PDB file of N, CA and C in Angstrom:
ATOM      1  N   MET A   1      31.780 -29.035 -27.895  1.00  0.00           N
ATOM      2  CA  MET A   1      31.552 -28.297 -26.676  1.00  0.00           C
ATOM      3  C   MET A   1      30.327 -27.390 -26.870  1.00  0.00           C
ATOM      4  N   THR A   2      29.435 -27.382 -25.907  1.00  0.00           N
ATOM      5  CA  THR A   2      28.231 -26.567 -26.022  1.00  0.00           C
ATOM      6  C   THR A   2      28.416 -25.271 -25.249  1.00  0.00           C
ATOM      7  N   ALA A   3      27.805 -24.222 -25.767  1.00  0.00           N
ATOM      8  CA  ALA A   3      27.875 -22.918 -25.101  1.00  0.00           C
ATOM      9  C   ALA A   3      26.848 -22.879 -23.979  1.00  0.00           C
ATOM     10  N   GLN A   4      27.255 -22.374 -22.851  1.00  0.00           N
ATOM     11  CA  GLN A   4      26.328 -22.252 -21.723  1.00  0.00           C
ATOM     12  C   GLN A   4      25.889 -20.800 -21.588  1.00  0.00           C
ATOM     13  N   ALA A   5      24.603 -20.655 -21.348  1.00  0.00           N
ATOM     14  CA  ALA A   5      24.062 -19.304 -21.174  1.00  0.00           C
ATOM     15  C   ALA A   5      24.466 -18.785 -19.794  1.00  0.00           C
ATOM     16  N   GLU A   6      24.817 -17.523 -19.763  1.00  0.00           N
ATOM     17  CA  GLU A   6      25.151 -16.910 -18.483  1.00  0.00           C
ATOM     18  C   GLU A   6      23.879 -16.648 -17.707  1.00  0.00           C
ATOM     19  N   VAL A   7      23.882 -17.022 -16.449  1.00  0.00           N
ATOM     20  CA  VAL A   7      22.723 -16.796 -15.588  1.00  0.00           C
ATOM     21  C   VAL A   7      22.981 -15.544 -14.777  1.00  0.00           C
ATOM     22  N   THR A   8      22.088 -14.593 -14.916  1.00  0.00           N
ATOM     23  CA  THR A   8      22.211 -13.353 -14.171  1.00  0.00           C
ATOM     24  C   THR A   8      21.237 -13.412 -13.001  1.00  0.00           C
ATOM     25  N   PRO A   9      21.725 -13.239 -11.777  1.00  0.00           N
ATOM     26  CA  PRO A   9      20.805 -13.278 -10.644  1.00  0.00           C
ATOM     27  C   PRO A   9      19.796 -12.125 -10.718  1.00  0.00           C
ATOM     28  N   ALA A  10      18.578 -12.430 -10.313  1.00  0.00           N
ATOM     29  CA  ALA A  10      17.530 -11.400 -10.324  1.00  0.00           C
ATOM     30  C   ALA A  10      17.864 -10.329  -9.292  1.00  0.00           C
ATOM     31  N   LYS A  11      17.585  -9.098  -9.665  1.00  0.00           N
ATOM     32  CA  LYS A  11      17.813  -7.992  -8.738  1.00  0.00           C
ATOM     33  C   LYS A  11      16.695  -7.993  -7.707  1.00  0.00           C
ATOM     34  N   PRO A  12      17.024  -7.787  -6.434  1.00  0.00           N
ATOM     35  CA  PRO A  12      15.964  -7.711  -5.435  1.00  0.00           C
ATOM     36  C   PRO A  12      15.085  -6.491  -5.688  1.00  0.00           C
ATOM     37  N   ALA A  13      13.812  -6.641  -5.402  1.00  0.00           N
ATOM     38  CA  ALA A  13      12.876  -5.535  -5.611  1.00  0.00           C
ATOM     39  C   ALA A  13      13.215  -4.388  -4.664  1.00  0.00           C
ATOM     40  N   HIS A  14      13.140  -3.205  -5.169  1.00  0.00           N
ATOM     41  CA  HIS A  14      13.355  -2.010  -4.357  1.00  0.00           C
ATOM     42  C   HIS A  14      12.059  -1.716  -3.611  1.00  0.00           C
ATOM     43  N   PRO A  15      12.109  -1.282  -2.330  1.00  0.00           N
ATOM     44  CA  PRO A  15      10.884  -1.016  -1.574  1.00  0.00           C
ATOM     45  C   PRO A  15       9.938  -0.023  -2.253  1.00  0.00           C
ATOM     46  N   LEU A  16      10.488   0.891  -3.036  1.00  0.00           N
ATOM     47  CA  LEU A  16       9.632   1.879  -3.687  1.00  0.00           C
ATOM     48  C   LEU A  16       8.877   1.299  -4.881  1.00  0.00           C
ATOM     49  N   ASP A  17       9.334   0.164  -5.416  1.00  0.00           N
ATOM     50  CA  ASP A  17       8.689  -0.433  -6.583  1.00  0.00           C
ATOM     51  C   ASP A  17       7.277  -0.924  -6.278  1.00  0.00           C
ATOM     52  N   ASN A  18       7.053  -1.386  -5.064  1.00  0.00           N
ATOM     53  CA  ASN A  18       5.761  -1.960  -4.697  1.00  0.00           C
ATOM     54  C   ASN A  18       5.048  -1.144  -3.634  1.00  0.00           C
ATOM     55  N   SER A  19       5.278   0.159  -3.651  1.00  0.00           N
ATOM     56  CA  SER A  19       4.664   1.013  -2.638  1.00  0.00           C
ATOM     57  C   SER A  19       4.237   2.339  -3.246  1.00  0.00           C
ATOM     58  N   ILE A  20       3.371   3.039  -2.503  1.00  0.00           N
ATOM     59  CA  ILE A  20       2.968   4.382  -2.913  1.00  0.00           C
ATOM     60  C   ILE A  20       3.121   5.318  -1.719  1.00  0.00           C
ATOM     61  N   SER A  21       3.258   6.584  -2.013  1.00  0.00           N
ATOM     62  CA  SER A  21       3.407   7.578  -0.951  1.00  0.00           C
ATOM     63  C   SER A  21       2.040   7.880  -0.335  1.00  0.00           C
ATOM     64  N   GLU A  22       2.085   8.510   0.822  1.00  0.00           N
ATOM     65  CA  GLU A  22       0.835   8.888   1.470  1.00  0.00           C
ATOM     66  C   GLU A  22       0.073   9.898   0.604  1.00  0.00           C
ATOM     67  N   THR A  23       0.787  10.763  -0.081  1.00  0.00           N
ATOM     68  CA  THR A  23       0.153  11.733  -0.981  1.00  0.00           C
ATOM     69  C   THR A  23      -0.596  11.013  -2.097  1.00  0.00           C
ATOM     70  N   GLU A  24       0.044   9.981  -2.677  1.00  0.00           N
ATOM     71  CA  GLU A  24      -0.608   9.206  -3.736  1.00  0.00           C
ATOM     72  C   GLU A  24      -1.823   8.457  -3.196  1.00  0.00           C
ATOM     73  N   LEU A  25      -1.711   7.925  -1.978  1.00  0.00           N
ATOM     74  CA  LEU A  25      -2.839   7.220  -1.369  1.00  0.00           C
ATOM     75  C   LEU A  25      -3.998   8.178  -1.107  1.00  0.00           C
ATOM     76  N   CYS A  26      -3.691   9.382  -0.654  1.00  0.00           N
ATOM     77  CA  CYS A  26      -4.736  10.393  -0.413  1.00  0.00           C
ATOM     78  C   CYS A  26      -5.496  10.687  -1.707  1.00  0.00           C
ATOM     79  N   ALA A  27      -4.780  10.812  -2.802  1.00  0.00           N
ATOM     80  CA  ALA A  27      -5.426  11.073  -4.091  1.00  0.00           C
ATOM     81  C   ALA A  27      -6.263   9.871  -4.516  1.00  0.00           C
ATOM     82  N   LEU A  28      -5.740   8.670  -4.299  1.00  0.00           N
ATOM     83  CA  LEU A  28      -6.449   7.447  -4.671  1.00  0.00           C
ATOM     84  C   LEU A  28      -7.743   7.285  -3.882  1.00  0.00           C
ATOM     85  N   TRP A  29      -7.686   7.554  -2.595  1.00  0.00           N
ATOM     86  CA  TRP A  29      -8.852   7.376  -1.723  1.00  0.00           C
ATOM     87  C   TRP A  29      -9.658   8.657  -1.537  1.00  0.00           C
ATOM     88  N   ASN A  30      -9.239   9.737  -2.158  1.00  0.00           N
ATOM     89  CA  ASN A  30      -9.936  11.018  -2.066  1.00  0.00           C
ATOM     90  C   ASN A  30     -10.113  11.473  -0.609  1.00  0.00           C
ATOM     91  N   ILE A  31      -8.999  11.455   0.113  1.00  0.00           N
ATOM     92  CA  ILE A  31      -8.987  11.951   1.492  1.00  0.00           C
ATOM     93  C   ILE A  31      -7.877  12.990   1.613  1.00  0.00           C
ATOM     94  N   SER A  32      -7.995  13.839   2.624  1.00  0.00           N
ATOM     95  CA  SER A  32      -6.978  14.877   2.822  1.00  0.00           C
ATOM     96  C   SER A  32      -5.764  14.284   3.541  1.00  0.00           C
ATOM     97  N   PRO A  33      -4.602  14.924   3.377  1.00  0.00           N
ATOM     98  CA  PRO A  33      -3.419  14.475   4.115  1.00  0.00           C
ATOM     99  C   PRO A  33      -3.645  14.495   5.635  1.00  0.00           C
ATOM    100  N   LYS A  34      -4.401  15.457   6.124  1.00  0.00           N
ATOM    101  CA  LYS A  34      -4.701  15.547   7.567  1.00  0.00           C
ATOM    102  C   LYS A  34      -5.502  14.332   8.013  1.00  0.00           C
ATOM    103  N   THR A  35      -6.501  13.936   7.217  1.00  0.00           N
ATOM    104  CA  THR A  35      -7.300  12.753   7.542  1.00  0.00           C
ATOM    105  C   THR A  35      -6.422  11.511   7.543  1.00  0.00           C
ATOM    106  N   ALA A  36      -5.558  11.385   6.549  1.00  0.00           N
ATOM    107  CA  ALA A  36      -4.652  10.234   6.478  1.00  0.00           C
ATOM    108  C   ALA A  36      -3.749  10.203   7.714  1.00  0.00           C
ATOM    109  N   TYR A  37      -3.215  11.349   8.075  1.00  0.00           N
ATOM    110  CA  TYR A  37      -2.346  11.434   9.250  1.00  0.00           C
ATOM    111  C   TYR A  37      -3.108  11.030  10.510  1.00  0.00           C
ATOM    112  N   ASP A  38      -4.301  11.597  10.694  1.00  0.00           N
ATOM    113  CA  ASP A  38      -5.098  11.285  11.889  1.00  0.00           C
ATOM    114  C   ASP A  38      -5.438   9.799  11.955  1.00  0.00           C
ATOM    115  N   HIS A  39      -5.834   9.233  10.825  1.00  0.00           N
ATOM    116  CA  HIS A  39      -6.182   7.808  10.783  1.00  0.00           C
ATOM    117  C   HIS A  39      -4.943   6.930  11.004  1.00  0.00           C
ATOM    118  N   ARG A  40      -3.811   7.349  10.463  1.00  0.00           N
ATOM    119  CA  ARG A  40      -2.572   6.587  10.664  1.00  0.00           C
ATOM    120  C   ARG A  40      -2.198   6.572  12.135  1.00  0.00           C
ATOM    121  N   LYS A  41      -2.286   7.725  12.801  1.00  0.00           N
ATOM    122  CA  LYS A  41      -1.959   7.810  14.224  1.00  0.00           C
ATOM    123  C   LYS A  41      -2.947   7.020  15.083  1.00  0.00           C
ATOM    124  N   ALA A  42      -4.194   6.913  14.626  1.00  0.00           N
ATOM    125  CA  ALA A  42      -5.221   6.164  15.364  1.00  0.00           C
ATOM    126  C   ALA A  42      -5.199   4.672  15.037  1.00  0.00           C
ATOM    127  N   GLY A  43      -4.317   4.269  14.124  1.00  0.00           N
ATOM    128  CA  GLY A  43      -4.218   2.863  13.757  1.00  0.00           C
ATOM    129  C   GLY A  43      -5.284   2.388  12.790  1.00  0.00           C
ATOM    130  N   LYS A  44      -5.909   3.322  12.074  1.00  0.00           N
ATOM    131  CA  LYS A  44      -6.986   2.979  11.138  1.00  0.00           C
ATOM    132  C   LYS A  44      -6.518   2.862   9.689  1.00  0.00           C
ATOM    133  N   MET A  45      -5.244   3.101   9.452  1.00  0.00           N
ATOM    134  CA  MET A  45      -4.686   3.013   8.103  1.00  0.00           C
ATOM    135  C   MET A  45      -3.923   1.703   7.975  1.00  0.00           C
ATOM    136  N   PRO A  46      -3.668   1.269   6.740  1.00  0.00           N
ATOM    137  CA  PRO A  46      -2.820   0.087   6.554  1.00  0.00           C
ATOM    138  C   PRO A  46      -1.428   0.353   7.132  1.00  0.00           C
ATOM    139  N   PRO A  47      -0.667  -0.704   7.393  1.00  0.00           N
ATOM    140  CA  PRO A  47       0.699  -0.500   7.897  1.00  0.00           C
ATOM    141  C   PRO A  47       1.502   0.394   6.951  1.00  0.00           C
ATOM    142  N   SER A  48       2.340   1.223   7.521  1.00  0.00           N
ATOM    143  CA  SER A  48       3.144   2.141   6.714  1.00  0.00           C
ATOM    144  C   SER A  48       4.601   2.044   7.152  1.00  0.00           C
ATOM    145  N   PHE A  49       5.466   2.630   6.334  1.00  0.00           N
ATOM    146  CA  PHE A  49       6.877   2.725   6.689  1.00  0.00           C
ATOM    147  C   PHE A  49       7.391   4.049   6.165  1.00  0.00           C
ATOM    148  N   LYS A  50       8.518   4.476   6.702  1.00  0.00           N
ATOM    149  CA  LYS A  50       9.095   5.754   6.292  1.00  0.00           C
ATOM    150  C   LYS A  50      10.417   5.537   5.574  1.00  0.00           C
ATOM    151  N   ILE A  51      10.609   6.317   4.539  1.00  0.00           N
ATOM    152  CA  ILE A  51      11.908   6.431   3.890  1.00  0.00           C
ATOM    153  C   ILE A  51      12.247   7.909   4.000  1.00  0.00           C
ATOM    154  N   GLY A  52      13.183   8.205   4.865  1.00  0.00           N
ATOM    155  CA  GLY A  52      13.472   9.606   5.178  1.00  0.00           C
ATOM    156  C   GLY A  52      12.272  10.180   5.915  1.00  0.00           C
ATOM    157  N   THR A  53      11.678  11.211   5.345  1.00  0.00           N
ATOM    158  CA  THR A  53      10.490  11.816   5.958  1.00  0.00           C
ATOM    159  C   THR A  53       9.205  11.388   5.256  1.00  0.00           C
ATOM    160  N   GLN A  54       9.343  10.587   4.206  1.00  0.00           N
ATOM    161  CA  GLN A  54       8.180  10.209   3.404  1.00  0.00           C
ATOM    162  C   GLN A  54       7.513   8.940   3.942  1.00  0.00           C
ATOM    163  N   VAL A  55       6.210   9.031   4.205  1.00  0.00           N
ATOM    164  CA  VAL A  55       5.432   7.879   4.641  1.00  0.00           C
ATOM    165  C   VAL A  55       4.978   7.127   3.394  1.00  0.00           C
ATOM    166  N   ARG A  56       5.164   5.802   3.389  1.00  0.00           N
ATOM    167  CA  ARG A  56       4.816   4.977   2.237  1.00  0.00           C
ATOM    168  C   ARG A  56       3.996   3.776   2.682  1.00  0.00           C
ATOM    169  N   TYR A  57       3.232   3.231   1.740  1.00  0.00           N
ATOM    170  CA  TYR A  57       2.387   2.068   1.992  1.00  0.00           C
ATOM    171  C   TYR A  57       2.652   1.020   0.920  1.00  0.00           C
ATOM    172  N   LEU A  58       2.750  -0.247   1.319  1.00  0.00           N
ATOM    173  CA  LEU A  58       2.892  -1.311   0.345  1.00  0.00           C
ATOM    174  C   LEU A  58       1.578  -1.485  -0.410  1.00  0.00           C
ATOM    175  N   LEU A  59       1.668  -1.686  -1.712  1.00  0.00           N
ATOM    176  CA  LEU A  59       0.467  -1.863  -2.526  1.00  0.00           C
ATOM    177  C   LEU A  59      -0.340  -3.075  -2.068  1.00  0.00           C
ATOM    178  N   SER A  60       0.337  -4.125  -1.632  1.00  0.00           N
ATOM    179  CA  SER A  60      -0.383  -5.321  -1.161  1.00  0.00           C
ATOM    180  C   SER A  60      -1.224  -4.996   0.077  1.00  0.00           C
ATOM    181  N   ASP A  61      -0.711  -4.134   0.974  1.00  0.00           N
ATOM    182  CA  ASP A  61      -1.479  -3.730   2.153  1.00  0.00           C
ATOM    183  C   ASP A  61      -2.659  -2.850   1.773  1.00  0.00           C
ATOM    184  N   ILE A  62      -2.491  -2.017   0.754  1.00  0.00           N
ATOM    185  CA  ILE A  62      -3.588  -1.169   0.271  1.00  0.00           C
ATOM    186  C   ILE A  62      -4.695  -2.047  -0.307  1.00  0.00           C
ATOM    187  N   GLU A  63      -4.310  -3.050  -1.103  1.00  0.00           N
ATOM    188  CA  GLU A  63      -5.300  -3.953  -1.696  1.00  0.00           C
ATOM    189  C   GLU A  63      -6.082  -4.691  -0.621  1.00  0.00           C
ATOM    190  N   ILE A  64      -5.393  -5.170   0.410  1.00  0.00           N
ATOM    191  CA  ILE A  64      -6.068  -5.863   1.516  1.00  0.00           C
ATOM    192  C   ILE A  64      -7.036  -4.920   2.220  1.00  0.00           C
ATOM    193  N   ALA A  65      -6.592  -3.698   2.485  1.00  0.00           N
ATOM    194  CA  ALA A  65      -7.447  -2.716   3.163  1.00  0.00           C
ATOM    195  C   ALA A  65      -8.686  -2.401   2.332  1.00  0.00           C
ATOM    196  N   GLU A  66      -8.507  -2.271   1.022  1.00  0.00           N
ATOM    197  CA  GLU A  66      -9.652  -1.966   0.157  1.00  0.00           C
ATOM    198  C   GLU A  66     -10.635  -3.127   0.120  1.00  0.00           C
ATOM    199  N   LYS A  67     -10.150  -4.350   0.031  1.00  0.00           N
ATOM    200  CA  LYS A  67     -11.040  -5.521   0.033  1.00  0.00           C
ATOM    201  C   LYS A  67     -11.780  -5.629   1.347  1.00  0.00           C
ATOM    202  N   THR A  68     -11.077  -5.426   2.456  1.00  0.00           N
ATOM    203  CA  THR A  68     -11.694  -5.502   3.778  1.00  0.00           C
ATOM    204  C   THR A  68     -12.752  -4.428   3.949  1.00  0.00           C
ATOM    205  N   THR A  69     -12.423  -3.210   3.549  1.00  0.00           N
ATOM    206  CA  THR A  69     -13.358  -2.094   3.671  1.00  0.00           C
ATOM    207  C   THR A  69     -14.600  -2.337   2.836  1.00  0.00           C
ATOM    208  N   HIS A  70     -14.419  -2.804   1.598  1.00  0.00           N
ATOM    209  CA  HIS A  70     -15.569  -3.068   0.735  1.00  0.00           C
ATOM    210  C   HIS A  70     -16.431  -4.180   1.300  1.00  0.00           C
ATOM    211  N   THR A  71     -15.823  -5.200   1.889  1.00  0.00           N
ATOM    212  CA  THR A  71     -16.575  -6.302   2.488  1.00  0.00           C
ATOM    213  C   THR A  71     -17.399  -5.799   3.660  1.00  0.00           C
ATOM    214  N   ILE A  72     -16.793  -4.991   4.523  1.00  0.00           N
ATOM    215  CA  ILE A  72     -17.507  -4.447   5.677  1.00  0.00           C
ATOM    216  C   ILE A  72     -18.633  -3.531   5.216  1.00  0.00           C
ATOM    217  N   THR A  73     -18.368  -2.674   4.230  1.00  0.00           N
ATOM    218  CA  THR A  73     -19.375  -1.742   3.724  1.00  0.00           C
ATOM    219  C   THR A  73     -20.571  -2.503   3.148  1.00  0.00           C
ATOM    220  N   ARG A  74     -20.298  -3.537   2.344  1.00  0.00           N
ATOM    221  CA  ARG A  74     -21.394  -4.332   1.762  1.00  0.00           C
ATOM    222  C   ARG A  74     -22.216  -4.995   2.861  1.00  0.00           C
ATOM    223  N   LYS A  75     -21.555  -5.528   3.884  1.00  0.00           N
ATOM    224  CA  LYS A  75     -22.242  -6.198   4.981  1.00  0.00           C
ATOM    225  C   LYS A  75     -23.132  -5.211   5.738  1.00  0.00           C
ATOM    226  N   LEU A  76     -22.616  -4.029   6.008  1.00  0.00           N
ATOM    227  CA  LEU A  76     -23.395  -3.016   6.728  1.00  0.00           C
ATOM    228  C   LEU A  76     -24.611  -2.569   5.906  1.00  0.00           C
ATOM    229  N   ARG A  77     -24.445  -2.451   4.588  1.00  0.00           N
ATOM    230  CA  ARG A  77     -25.559  -2.046   3.734  1.00  0.00           C
ATOM    231  C   ARG A  77     -26.662  -3.104   3.736  1.00  0.00           C
ATOM    232  N   ARG A  78     -26.278  -4.383   3.764  1.00  0.00           N
ATOM    233  CA  ARG A  78     -27.268  -5.461   3.794  1.00  0.00           C
ATOM    234  C   ARG A  78     -28.020  -5.482   5.103  1.00  0.00           C
ATOM    235  N   GLU A  79     -27.344  -5.133   6.195  1.00  0.00           N
ATOM    236  CA  GLU A  79     -27.973  -5.155   7.529  1.00  0.00           C
ATOM    237  C   GLU A  79     -28.887  -3.966   7.750  1.00  0.00           C
ATOM    238  N   ALA A  80     -28.688  -2.896   6.988  1.00  0.00           N
ATOM    239  CA  ALA A  80     -29.487  -1.668   7.181  1.00  0.00           C
ATOM    240  C   ALA A  80     -30.899  -1.823   6.664  1.00  0.00           C
TER     241      ALA A  80
END
């Protein structure tokens, strides 16, 4: 008789594992919380979600926003 290994189901990822707070994003992008708030309300920030009172952003959305912003910035610099 052969021994069978026990299979443990993978734990689902917690939303906080792949996200950062608005405060952390402000530090990363060197912007003030007021600017982040204004841009979020104007729809200029990546999609966000709230856990309690804390606004959070998925890291994948931040990466997309950074790539898009850098692409637009490079294009504008070439056109100038």
